[in-house]
Structure formats: structure tokens, C-alpha cells
């Protein structure tokens, strides 16, 4: 990525030049005193952050390389008389140009020697579901509501230049029941990061990146390694405890739960606006015998494996519109073994930017024997239908979302279900 004068002025703001009441003498003949960047450029030169081109010119309209920008960031990092806000911006620039800075001999991990080794982030989230089950010949219509309050803490601790440890603690409170919050350690893992290589060990997120969460958005215990840059390969293995499915017949709901051994590979390629993905995941558990029989009561299954192949593709047209589709199949299942989705999205809320928003429309087909734990908040197991949603950031670090899923049951014995979902999150 190449930058122009804007990059230099960003660095100027970082080191406080733009707010300086006294401007140093201007050494550049092509930056007149009435130029809008005169004060910042002059102060940068006085501070030794920029040097120009040796012929009394600054050439502010000329593209600069990432390496040249990194040199300016390195000089800004050497300054000690900066405010806390400027220091935070220096840290962000240092992270962006970390590779170049390391090549310059600047150790980004030692950017602030006296900084705390442990950082805390978190979220307070409120979610509401309104679920309406339609009347059938054997079942009456039903309407239920659910309120959930979640408090999440995510500490991160630096170990050394290449390793850090992470954790996630969730406390969920069912507001309608007003019971005691159920706090759980959802994640705890060590992460190693090197150039074009990364690894995780412990309990961490299990997400089907190639399908953008169509199959899985959960946690598992094990190990993961990732190779590559634009073309990435992720290998992971461990134990997953998320085989949980339920089936309702009339007024009786039965929940099936088990654990599985897991191995998987996820490939992704994102050169620019186009992104492609493919994956293979293998699960082994006696729980699949029950799961596969769940939707075919006449033929009890003896299969204890799930072998899932998946592909996904997306394209971002102009930075605003994004089209994505994915397909997956469990070759070990005899029924409800496929899942697919197509989604068109416009923009999207960024919680850090007040006033940003987005909307989407999607079609989901969630076969119960393959879409084990999809990422969708409105997800109803073993259904198909249309989903519409929107999100909005009314304030910085405040996120809101609403969605509606009109679902038809794939299982003839189940009821069609409509779900209205709402969310408000406060991040810190």
C-alpha cells in the first residue's frame, strides 16, 4: 500500500506537530507559508521525523513506500514528550507497519517498556428472541420470548515477542427468570504469531471460515496452526462438545447432546475483492448414531462419523455491496445432509464508528445433519427460509442489530417457526 502527504500528516498529528503553537523554520521550497500543511511539515522537519529529498523539496504529492512510512513511524516512536492520545495512535501505526519496523531493528513488542502486560476488553450484551411456532394438524401454535443478558471479559497477556495468552469469561443471565448468572470460562489458550505462520493451543473458537459460519461458530479444545498470507491453510484437531440437537413432536422436546473427536482443514484465498474458501472436517462420536436416527425413525443409524466438505465464495463490489454464498455436505449422513446460504449485504455497522449501519437479505438452508452450530442468531435447527436484518452504531462502541427469520421445517414432523431477534451491545 502506498501513501502520500496524508500519511506524513498523520504522523505529524501523532507527534503533536499540528497542535504546536510555534512553527519551526521551513526548510522546503515547495511548501509555502500559506500551505494548509505548513506548520505540521515544518515541525516534523524540526523534530527530525522527515528529511525531504536533499534538494530543499518536500514533494508532498509523491507516493511513499511502506518502508519510508515506517521510518517516519520509528522516529515518532522515539519521541517521549507525547500525550496519551498521541501515544495510542503511535501504537496503532506501529502495529500496521510492524514487519517494516522489525526490519529496521525496532522491536514493536518493546514499544512501551512500562506498559501493563495484561489488557482487558469486554462487552455487556442484551439479546431478545421472539419465537412463533405455527399451528399444524398435530400441534397448536405457540409464542415464546427470551431475554438474555451477557457480561463478557476477554483478558490478554503478553508472554514474549511471539507468544501471548488469551481467555474469555461469559456470564449469562436469563432476565425473564431472574436467576443467578451462569459464569463459564469459554476460552483459554496460548497463541504464537510469526511471519506467515500462527498457532493456538488450548480452548478457543471453532469457526468455519470458508462458509462464513454456516457450519460452525463455537469453541473446542485442541490445537490449530495457520500458514500463508493471501492463501491461508488452517489445520486443527481436538475435541468438540457441541453436538447438541433437539426435536419437538407435539408438546415434547427431546435434546441430544454428546462430544466428538475432531480434525479439520480450512483453506481461504482473498487476493482483493474476491474471496474463496474450501474445507473438510471430520467428527467421530457415538452421538451421531442418535443424531442420524433423529430425522429417520424407521431406520436406526450405526454411523458414528461426520465427514463434511464445504466451499464458499464472496465478492465485494464497491466497498458497499457484498455477495456471499456457501455450500456444505455431510457424506456420512443419509438425510438432511446438505446446507447452503446466499447473502447480499449492504455496508455494515462498525462499532467504533458512530453512525455506521448496514442491512442484509439472505436465504438459509440448514440441514440438521451438517449445519451443527451456525453463526446466525435466528438459527432454528433443520430449517430453510429467508432472513432479513440490519445493524447500526448509534454511539462509539455501542452496537445494535435486529433480524427476522421466516423458517420452514425440513422435518415433516416439526413446526414451521418464525424468529424475531434484537441485540444491543456495549464494548469496553
Protein backbone atom coordinates (compact mmCIF):
# COMPACT_ATOMS: atom_id res chain seq x y z
CA UNK A 1 0.00 0.00 0.00
CA UNK A 2 1.37 3.44 -0.92
CA UNK A 3 0.71 6.66 0.92
CA UNK A 4 1.10 10.33 0.07
CA UNK A 5 1.23 13.55 2.05
CA UNK A 6 -1.73 12.34 4.12
CA UNK A 7 0.49 9.71 5.71
CA UNK A 8 3.10 12.23 6.68
CA UNK A 9 0.48 14.48 8.18
CA UNK A 10 -0.96 11.55 10.12
CA UNK A 11 2.46 11.13 11.67
CA UNK A 12 2.56 14.86 12.24
CA UNK A 13 -0.59 14.69 14.28
CA UNK A 14 0.83 11.75 16.17
CA UNK A 15 3.87 13.65 17.35
CA UNK A 16 1.82 16.73 18.13
CA UNK A 17 3.22 18.95 15.40
CA UNK A 18 -0.17 20.06 14.18
CA UNK A 19 -1.04 21.47 17.57
CA UNK A 20 2.28 23.24 18.13
CA UNK A 21 1.91 26.96 18.76
CA UNK A 22 5.39 27.71 17.38
CA UNK A 23 6.27 26.54 13.88
CA UNK A 24 9.92 25.88 13.11
CA UNK A 25 11.63 27.42 10.12
CA UNK A 26 10.54 25.77 6.89
CA UNK A 27 13.42 24.05 5.03
CA UNK A 28 11.29 23.08 2.00
CA UNK A 29 10.93 25.37 -1.00
CA UNK A 30 7.77 23.62 -2.27
CA UNK A 31 5.74 24.16 0.93
CA UNK A 32 4.86 27.87 1.05
CA UNK A 33 3.84 29.59 4.26
CA UNK A 34 0.18 29.71 3.22
CA UNK A 35 0.01 25.94 2.53
CA UNK A 36 -2.51 24.15 4.78
CA UNK A 37 0.21 21.72 5.93
CA UNK A 38 2.93 24.33 6.51
CA UNK A 39 3.02 24.19 10.34
CA UNK A 40 2.91 20.40 10.52
CA UNK A 41 5.62 19.89 7.87
CA UNK A 42 7.91 22.48 9.41
CA UNK A 43 7.62 20.98 12.88
CA UNK A 44 8.15 17.46 11.55
CA UNK A 45 11.37 18.60 9.90
CA UNK A 46 12.50 20.31 13.11
CA UNK A 47 11.77 17.14 15.08
CA UNK A 48 13.77 15.05 12.65
CA UNK A 49 10.80 12.93 11.62
CA UNK A 50 11.07 13.89 7.93
CA UNK A 51 14.11 14.95 5.93
CA UNK A 52 12.83 15.72 2.44
CA UNK A 53 14.75 14.84 -0.70
CA UNK A 54 18.02 16.73 -0.20
CA UNK A 55 17.23 19.38 -2.81
CA UNK A 56 15.17 21.66 -0.49
CA UNK A 57 11.94 19.97 -1.64
CA UNK A 58 9.37 18.01 0.34
CA UNK A 59 7.41 16.58 -2.66
CA UNK A 60 4.26 16.07 -0.61
CA UNK A 61 2.24 14.77 -3.58
CA UNK A 62 4.68 11.96 -4.29
CA UNK A 63 3.80 8.41 -3.25
CA UNK A 64 5.95 6.95 -0.49
CA UNK A 65 6.62 3.29 0.21
CA UNK A 66 5.63 1.40 3.34
CA UNK A 67 9.32 1.32 4.26
CA UNK A 68 9.58 5.11 4.09
CA UNK A 69 6.43 5.45 6.18
CA UNK A 70 7.86 3.00 8.70
CA UNK A 71 10.95 5.20 9.03
CA UNK A 72 8.75 8.15 10.00
CA UNK A 73 6.82 5.98 12.47
CA UNK A 74 10.09 4.80 14.01
CA UNK A 75 11.20 8.39 14.55
CA UNK A 76 7.83 9.25 16.07
CA UNK A 77 8.21 6.25 18.42
CA UNK A 78 11.50 7.69 19.67
CA UNK A 79 9.78 10.84 20.95
CA UNK A 80 8.96 10.81 24.68
CA UNK A 81 7.07 14.10 25.13
CA UNK A 82 3.77 12.94 23.64
CA UNK A 83 0.28 12.79 25.10
CA UNK A 84 -1.56 9.58 25.94
CA UNK A 85 -3.80 10.01 22.90
CA UNK A 86 -0.81 10.51 20.60
CA UNK A 87 0.90 7.51 22.18
CA UNK A 88 -2.13 5.35 21.40
CA UNK A 89 -2.03 6.45 17.76
CA UNK A 90 1.69 5.68 17.57
CA UNK A 91 0.92 2.17 18.82
CA UNK A 92 -1.66 1.70 16.05
CA UNK A 93 0.79 2.89 13.38
CA UNK A 94 3.48 0.62 14.82
CA UNK A 95 1.14 -2.37 14.59
CA UNK A 96 0.30 -1.55 10.94
CA UNK A 97 3.97 -1.31 9.97
CA UNK A 98 5.27 -3.99 12.34
CA UNK A 99 7.15 -6.00 9.69
CA UNK A 100 8.88 -2.96 8.27
CA UNK A 101 9.77 -1.70 11.75
CA UNK A 102 11.25 -5.05 12.70
CA UNK A 103 13.37 -4.90 9.57
CA UNK A 104 14.54 -1.50 10.75
CA UNK A 105 15.57 -3.05 14.06
CA UNK A 106 12.69 -1.58 16.02
CA UNK A 107 11.09 -4.12 18.36
CA UNK A 108 7.39 -3.32 18.39
CA UNK A 109 6.86 -5.55 21.42
CA UNK A 110 9.07 -3.16 23.42
CA UNK A 111 7.25 -0.05 22.22
CA UNK A 112 6.27 0.88 25.75
CA UNK A 113 8.58 -0.70 28.29
CA UNK A 114 6.46 0.18 31.27
CA UNK A 115 3.10 -0.76 29.76
CA UNK A 116 0.93 -3.32 31.52
CA UNK A 117 1.48 -6.86 30.28
CA UNK A 118 -2.22 -7.69 30.69
CA UNK A 119 -5.00 -5.95 28.77
CA UNK A 120 -8.74 -6.28 29.39
CA UNK A 121 -11.54 -5.95 26.90
CA UNK A 122 -15.16 -6.88 27.28
CA UNK A 123 -18.79 -6.49 26.38
CA UNK A 124 -22.17 -6.10 28.01
CA UNK A 125 -24.77 -7.60 25.65
CA UNK A 126 -28.56 -7.75 25.76
CA UNK A 127 -30.39 -10.08 23.38
CA UNK A 128 -34.06 -10.82 22.83
CA UNK A 129 -35.73 -13.60 20.86
CA UNK A 130 -39.42 -13.78 19.98
CA UNK A 131 -40.23 -17.23 18.59
CA UNK A 132 -43.54 -18.11 16.96
CA UNK A 133 -44.37 -21.71 16.06
CA UNK A 134 -47.12 -22.16 13.50
CA UNK A 135 -50.10 -24.44 14.00
CA UNK A 136 -50.08 -27.91 12.41
CA UNK A 137 -52.53 -30.82 12.30
CA UNK A 138 -50.98 -32.28 15.45
CA UNK A 139 -49.55 -29.22 17.25
CA UNK A 140 -51.02 -25.95 18.43
CA UNK A 141 -49.44 -22.60 17.65
CA UNK A 142 -47.05 -21.28 20.26
CA UNK A 143 -45.32 -17.99 21.03
CA UNK A 144 -42.38 -17.56 23.41
CA UNK A 145 -39.96 -14.80 24.33
CA UNK A 146 -36.46 -14.98 25.75
CA UNK A 147 -34.32 -12.22 27.29
CA UNK A 148 -30.63 -12.78 27.89
CA UNK A 149 -28.03 -10.51 29.44
CA UNK A 150 -24.38 -11.45 28.91
CA UNK A 151 -21.31 -9.96 30.55
CA UNK A 152 -18.06 -10.92 28.82
CA UNK A 153 -14.46 -10.37 29.86
CA UNK A 154 -11.53 -11.01 27.50
CA UNK A 155 -8.09 -10.64 29.13
CA UNK A 156 -4.91 -10.85 27.02
CA UNK A 157 -1.41 -11.24 28.45
CA UNK A 158 1.88 -10.89 26.59
CA UNK A 159 4.43 -13.66 27.18
CA UNK A 160 7.22 -12.58 24.81
CA UNK A 161 7.76 -11.23 21.29
CA UNK A 162 5.90 -14.12 19.67
CA UNK A 163 3.54 -15.57 22.28
CA UNK A 164 0.59 -14.33 24.29
CA UNK A 165 -2.25 -15.94 26.21
CA UNK A 166 -5.98 -15.23 25.94
CA UNK A 167 -9.12 -16.03 27.88
CA UNK A 168 -12.84 -15.38 27.60
CA UNK A 169 -15.28 -15.48 30.51
CA UNK A 170 -19.02 -15.28 29.85
CA UNK A 171 -21.70 -14.77 32.48
CA UNK A 172 -25.24 -15.26 31.14
CA UNK A 173 -28.39 -14.17 32.93
CA UNK A 174 -31.90 -15.18 31.88
CA UNK A 175 -33.73 -11.95 32.66
CA UNK A 176 -37.21 -13.43 32.38
CA UNK A 177 -36.37 -15.99 35.07
CA UNK A 178 -34.24 -13.51 37.06
CA UNK A 179 -31.89 -16.29 38.06
CA UNK A 180 -28.23 -16.20 39.06
CA UNK A 181 -25.81 -15.52 36.22
CA UNK A 182 -24.06 -18.63 34.95
CA UNK A 183 -20.36 -17.75 34.54
CA UNK A 184 -18.21 -20.01 32.36
CA UNK A 185 -14.63 -19.99 31.10
CA UNK A 186 -15.39 -20.18 27.37
CA UNK A 187 -11.85 -19.81 26.07
CA UNK A 188 -8.32 -20.16 27.42
CA UNK A 189 -5.43 -20.56 25.00
CA UNK A 190 -1.85 -19.64 24.11
CA UNK A 191 -1.24 -18.04 20.74
CA UNK A 192 2.01 -17.90 18.79
CA UNK A 193 2.41 -15.49 15.88
CA UNK A 194 5.22 -15.46 13.36
CA UNK A 195 5.53 -14.21 9.79
CA UNK A 196 3.02 -16.16 7.67
CA UNK A 197 2.55 -18.68 10.49
CA UNK A 198 0.41 -18.80 13.61
CA UNK A 199 -0.69 -21.37 16.16
CA UNK A 200 -3.17 -21.73 19.02
CA UNK A 201 -3.20 -24.29 21.84
CA UNK A 202 -5.98 -24.67 24.42
CA UNK A 203 -9.69 -23.94 24.19
CA UNK A 204 -10.62 -21.40 21.53
CA UNK A 205 -13.03 -20.55 18.72
CA UNK A 206 -14.14 -23.17 16.22
CA UNK A 207 -15.38 -21.24 13.20
CA UNK A 208 -15.95 -22.40 9.62
CA UNK A 209 -14.22 -19.51 7.87
CA UNK A 210 -14.71 -20.94 4.39
CA UNK A 211 -18.52 -20.84 4.80
CA UNK A 212 -18.56 -17.66 6.93
CA UNK A 213 -20.06 -19.54 9.88
CA UNK A 214 -22.69 -21.61 8.02
CA UNK A 215 -21.45 -24.79 9.73
CA UNK A 216 -19.80 -23.80 12.99
CA UNK A 217 -19.43 -20.89 15.39
CA UNK A 218 -18.49 -22.45 18.72
CA UNK A 219 -15.45 -23.44 20.81
CA UNK A 220 -13.33 -26.58 21.00
CA UNK A 221 -10.30 -27.83 22.93
CA UNK A 222 -7.21 -28.69 20.90
CA UNK A 223 -4.59 -27.15 18.64
CA UNK A 224 -4.56 -25.08 15.46
CA UNK A 225 -1.86 -23.99 13.02
CA UNK A 226 -2.24 -21.48 10.18
CA UNK A 227 0.11 -20.99 7.22
CA UNK A 228 0.23 -18.44 4.45
CA UNK A 229 -0.68 -14.85 3.64
CA UNK A 230 -3.29 -14.29 0.92
CA UNK A 231 -3.65 -18.05 0.53
CA UNK A 232 -4.11 -19.45 4.03
CA UNK A 233 -4.36 -23.03 5.26
CA UNK A 234 -5.66 -23.73 8.75
CA UNK A 235 -5.24 -27.18 10.32
CA UNK A 236 -6.94 -28.01 13.61
CA UNK A 237 -7.63 -31.02 15.80
CA UNK A 238 -9.15 -31.60 19.21
CA UNK A 239 -12.41 -32.36 20.98
CA UNK A 240 -15.72 -30.63 20.37
CA UNK A 241 -18.60 -30.82 22.85
CA UNK A 242 -21.21 -29.08 20.71
CA UNK A 243 -23.22 -31.95 19.25
CA UNK A 244 -26.48 -30.70 20.63
CA UNK A 245 -29.70 -31.10 18.69
CA UNK A 246 -33.32 -31.07 19.69
CA UNK A 247 -36.50 -32.44 18.19
CA UNK A 248 -40.04 -31.42 19.09
CA UNK A 249 -43.04 -33.65 18.44
CA UNK A 250 -46.29 -32.17 19.69
CA UNK A 251 -45.53 -30.72 23.12
CA UNK A 252 -42.49 -32.92 23.79
CA UNK A 253 -38.96 -31.65 23.11
CA UNK A 254 -36.00 -34.03 23.31
CA UNK A 255 -32.42 -32.74 23.49
CA UNK A 256 -29.50 -34.84 22.29
CA UNK A 257 -26.02 -33.92 23.48
CA UNK A 258 -22.60 -35.56 23.08
CA UNK A 259 -18.91 -34.86 22.41
CA UNK A 260 -16.78 -35.68 19.37
CA UNK A 261 -13.16 -36.03 18.33
CA UNK A 262 -12.44 -33.51 15.59
CA UNK A 263 -9.94 -32.85 12.79
CA UNK A 264 -10.30 -30.24 10.10
CA UNK A 265 -8.64 -28.18 7.36
CA UNK A 266 -9.81 -24.77 6.14
CA UNK A 267 -8.41 -23.09 3.01
CA UNK A 268 -9.03 -19.44 2.19
CA UNK A 269 -7.85 -17.12 -0.58
CA UNK A 270 -8.61 -13.40 -0.60
CA UNK A 271 -6.45 -11.51 -3.13
CA UNK A 272 -8.64 -8.37 -3.30
CA UNK A 273 -12.39 -8.03 -3.69
CA UNK A 274 -12.80 -11.74 -4.32
CA UNK A 275 -12.60 -14.31 -1.54
CA UNK A 276 -12.72 -18.08 -1.88
CA UNK A 277 -12.79 -20.86 0.68
CA UNK A 278 -12.93 -24.64 0.97
CA UNK A 279 -12.86 -27.01 3.90
CA UNK A 280 -13.03 -30.58 5.16
CA UNK A 281 -14.00 -31.53 8.71
CA UNK A 282 -14.17 -34.96 10.35
CA UNK A 283 -16.02 -35.71 13.59
CA UNK A 284 -16.30 -39.02 15.44
CA UNK A 285 -18.80 -39.68 18.23
CA UNK A 286 -21.46 -42.20 19.23
CA UNK A 287 -23.74 -39.17 19.36
CA UNK A 288 -24.08 -39.28 15.58
CA UNK A 289 -25.89 -42.60 15.79
CA UNK A 290 -28.64 -40.82 17.69
CA UNK A 291 -28.45 -37.70 15.55
CA UNK A 292 -28.78 -39.51 12.23
CA UNK A 293 -31.70 -41.55 13.57
CA UNK A 294 -33.38 -38.38 14.84
CA UNK A 295 -34.89 -37.48 11.47
CA UNK A 296 -35.43 -41.06 10.20
CA UNK A 297 -37.08 -43.01 12.99
CA UNK A 298 -37.74 -46.02 10.74
CA UNK A 299 -34.04 -46.72 10.16
CA UNK A 300 -31.77 -46.58 13.25
CA UNK A 301 -28.26 -45.49 12.25
CA UNK A 302 -24.99 -47.21 13.18
CA UNK A 303 -22.82 -44.43 11.72
CA UNK A 304 -20.63 -42.62 14.27
CA UNK A 305 -18.75 -40.29 11.89
CA UNK A 306 -19.45 -36.98 10.21
CA UNK A 307 -17.39 -36.13 7.12
CA UNK A 308 -18.21 -32.62 5.92
CA UNK A 309 -16.99 -30.99 2.70
CA UNK A 310 -17.67 -27.30 2.17
CA UNK A 311 -16.98 -24.40 -0.19
CA UNK A 312 -17.67 -20.67 -0.09
CA UNK A 313 -17.19 -17.64 -2.34
CA UNK A 314 -17.77 -13.91 -1.94
CA UNK A 315 -17.26 -10.69 -3.85
CA UNK A 316 -17.20 -7.09 -2.63
CA UNK A 317 -18.35 -4.90 -5.50
CA UNK A 318 -17.58 -1.33 -4.46
CA UNK A 319 -16.86 -1.35 -0.76
CA UNK A 320 -20.58 -1.15 -0.01
CA UNK A 321 -22.24 -4.20 -1.58
CA UNK A 322 -21.10 -7.72 -0.74
CA UNK A 323 -22.42 -11.00 -2.14
CA UNK A 324 -21.56 -14.33 -0.49
CA UNK A 325 -22.61 -17.93 -0.96
CA UNK A 326 -21.63 -21.26 0.63
CA UNK A 327 -22.47 -24.95 0.34
CA UNK A 328 -21.68 -27.96 2.55
CA UNK A 329 -22.45 -31.68 2.60
CA UNK A 330 -22.03 -34.42 5.21
CA UNK A 331 -21.20 -37.54 3.20
CA UNK A 332 -21.78 -39.78 6.23
CA UNK A 333 -25.45 -38.80 6.64
CA UNK A 334 -28.35 -40.21 4.61
CA UNK A 335 -30.79 -37.34 5.08
CA UNK A 336 -30.75 -33.60 5.81
CA UNK A 337 -27.08 -33.83 4.87
CA UNK A 338 -26.68 -30.52 2.98
CA UNK A 339 -26.62 -26.85 3.95
CA UNK A 340 -26.30 -23.73 1.84
CA UNK A 341 -26.78 -19.99 2.01
CA UNK A 342 -26.73 -16.92 -0.23
CA UNK A 343 -26.46 -13.45 1.31
CA UNK A 344 -26.45 -9.92 -0.11
CA UNK A 345 -25.18 -7.30 2.32
CA UNK A 346 -25.02 -3.51 2.14
CA UNK A 347 -22.28 -1.85 4.19
CA UNK A 348 -22.36 -2.84 7.89
CA UNK A 349 -22.11 -1.19 11.29
CA UNK A 350 -18.64 -0.63 12.73
CA UNK A 351 -18.94 -0.38 16.50
CA UNK A 352 -16.01 2.04 16.67
CA UNK A 353 -17.60 4.50 14.22
CA UNK A 354 -20.74 6.31 15.34
CA UNK A 355 -23.49 6.45 12.74
CA UNK A 356 -22.37 3.49 10.62
CA UNK A 357 -25.02 0.98 9.60
CA UNK A 358 -25.80 -1.91 7.29
CA UNK A 359 -28.52 -4.25 6.08
CA UNK A 360 -28.73 -7.69 4.51
CA UNK A 361 -31.03 -10.29 2.99
CA UNK A 362 -30.21 -14.00 2.96
CA UNK A 363 -31.61 -17.39 2.14
CA UNK A 364 -30.65 -20.22 4.53
CA UNK A 365 -30.97 -23.98 4.15
CA UNK A 366 -29.75 -25.54 7.39
CA UNK A 367 -29.73 -29.32 7.13
CA UNK A 368 -29.73 -30.70 10.68
CA UNK A 369 -27.04 -33.29 9.96
CA UNK A 370 -24.46 -30.81 8.66
CA UNK A 371 -25.11 -27.26 9.96
CA UNK A 372 -24.32 -28.28 13.54
CA UNK A 373 -23.81 -24.84 15.10
CA UNK A 374 -24.23 -21.96 12.59
CA UNK A 375 -23.37 -18.39 13.50
CA UNK A 376 -26.83 -16.94 12.90
CA UNK A 377 -28.65 -15.52 15.94
CA UNK A 378 -32.01 -16.55 14.48
CA UNK A 379 -30.91 -20.12 13.72
CA UNK A 380 -33.53 -22.86 14.04
CA UNK A 381 -32.20 -26.36 13.60
CA UNK A 382 -33.13 -28.21 10.39
CA UNK A 383 -34.99 -25.39 8.64
CA UNK A 384 -34.92 -23.32 5.47
CA UNK A 385 -36.14 -19.79 4.78
CA UNK A 386 -35.41 -16.11 4.27
CA UNK A 387 -33.69 -13.87 6.79
CA UNK A 388 -33.56 -10.06 6.80
CA UNK A 389 -31.59 -7.88 9.15
CA UNK A 390 -29.95 -4.52 9.85
CA UNK A 391 -27.37 -3.16 12.29
CA UNK A 392 -26.44 0.32 13.50
CA UNK A 393 -23.85 2.00 15.74
CA UNK A 394 -25.68 4.90 17.48
CA UNK A 395 -22.59 5.78 19.52
CA UNK A 396 -18.94 4.82 19.56
CA UNK A 397 -18.52 1.27 20.92
CA UNK A 398 -22.28 0.74 21.01
CA UNK A 399 -23.74 -1.78 18.56
CA UNK A 400 -27.38 -2.62 17.80
CA UNK A 401 -28.90 -5.23 15.48
CA UNK A 402 -32.29 -6.64 14.51
CA UNK A 403 -33.17 -9.60 12.28
CA UNK A 404 -36.13 -11.72 11.26
CA UNK A 405 -36.07 -15.33 10.03
CA UNK A 406 -39.14 -16.93 8.46
CA UNK A 407 -38.27 -20.61 8.69
CA UNK A 408 -39.91 -23.71 7.28
CA UNK A 409 -39.10 -27.03 8.92
CA UNK A 410 -37.27 -29.60 6.79
CA UNK A 411 -38.60 -32.36 9.04
CA UNK A 412 -42.28 -33.06 8.31
CA UNK A 413 -42.92 -33.76 11.99
CA UNK A 414 -41.69 -30.32 13.11
CA UNK A 415 -43.49 -26.97 13.16
CA UNK A 416 -42.64 -24.01 10.95
CA UNK A 417 -41.08 -21.26 13.06
CA UNK A 418 -40.59 -17.50 12.76
CA UNK A 419 -37.93 -15.75 14.84
CA UNK A 420 -37.53 -12.03 15.61
CA UNK A 421 -34.18 -11.15 17.18
CA UNK A 422 -32.77 -7.95 18.70
CA UNK A 423 -29.42 -7.06 20.25
CA UNK A 424 -27.71 -4.14 22.00
CA UNK A 425 -24.02 -4.35 22.93
CA UNK A 426 -21.71 -2.04 24.88
CA UNK A 427 -18.00 -2.68 24.31
CA UNK A 428 -15.12 -1.59 26.54
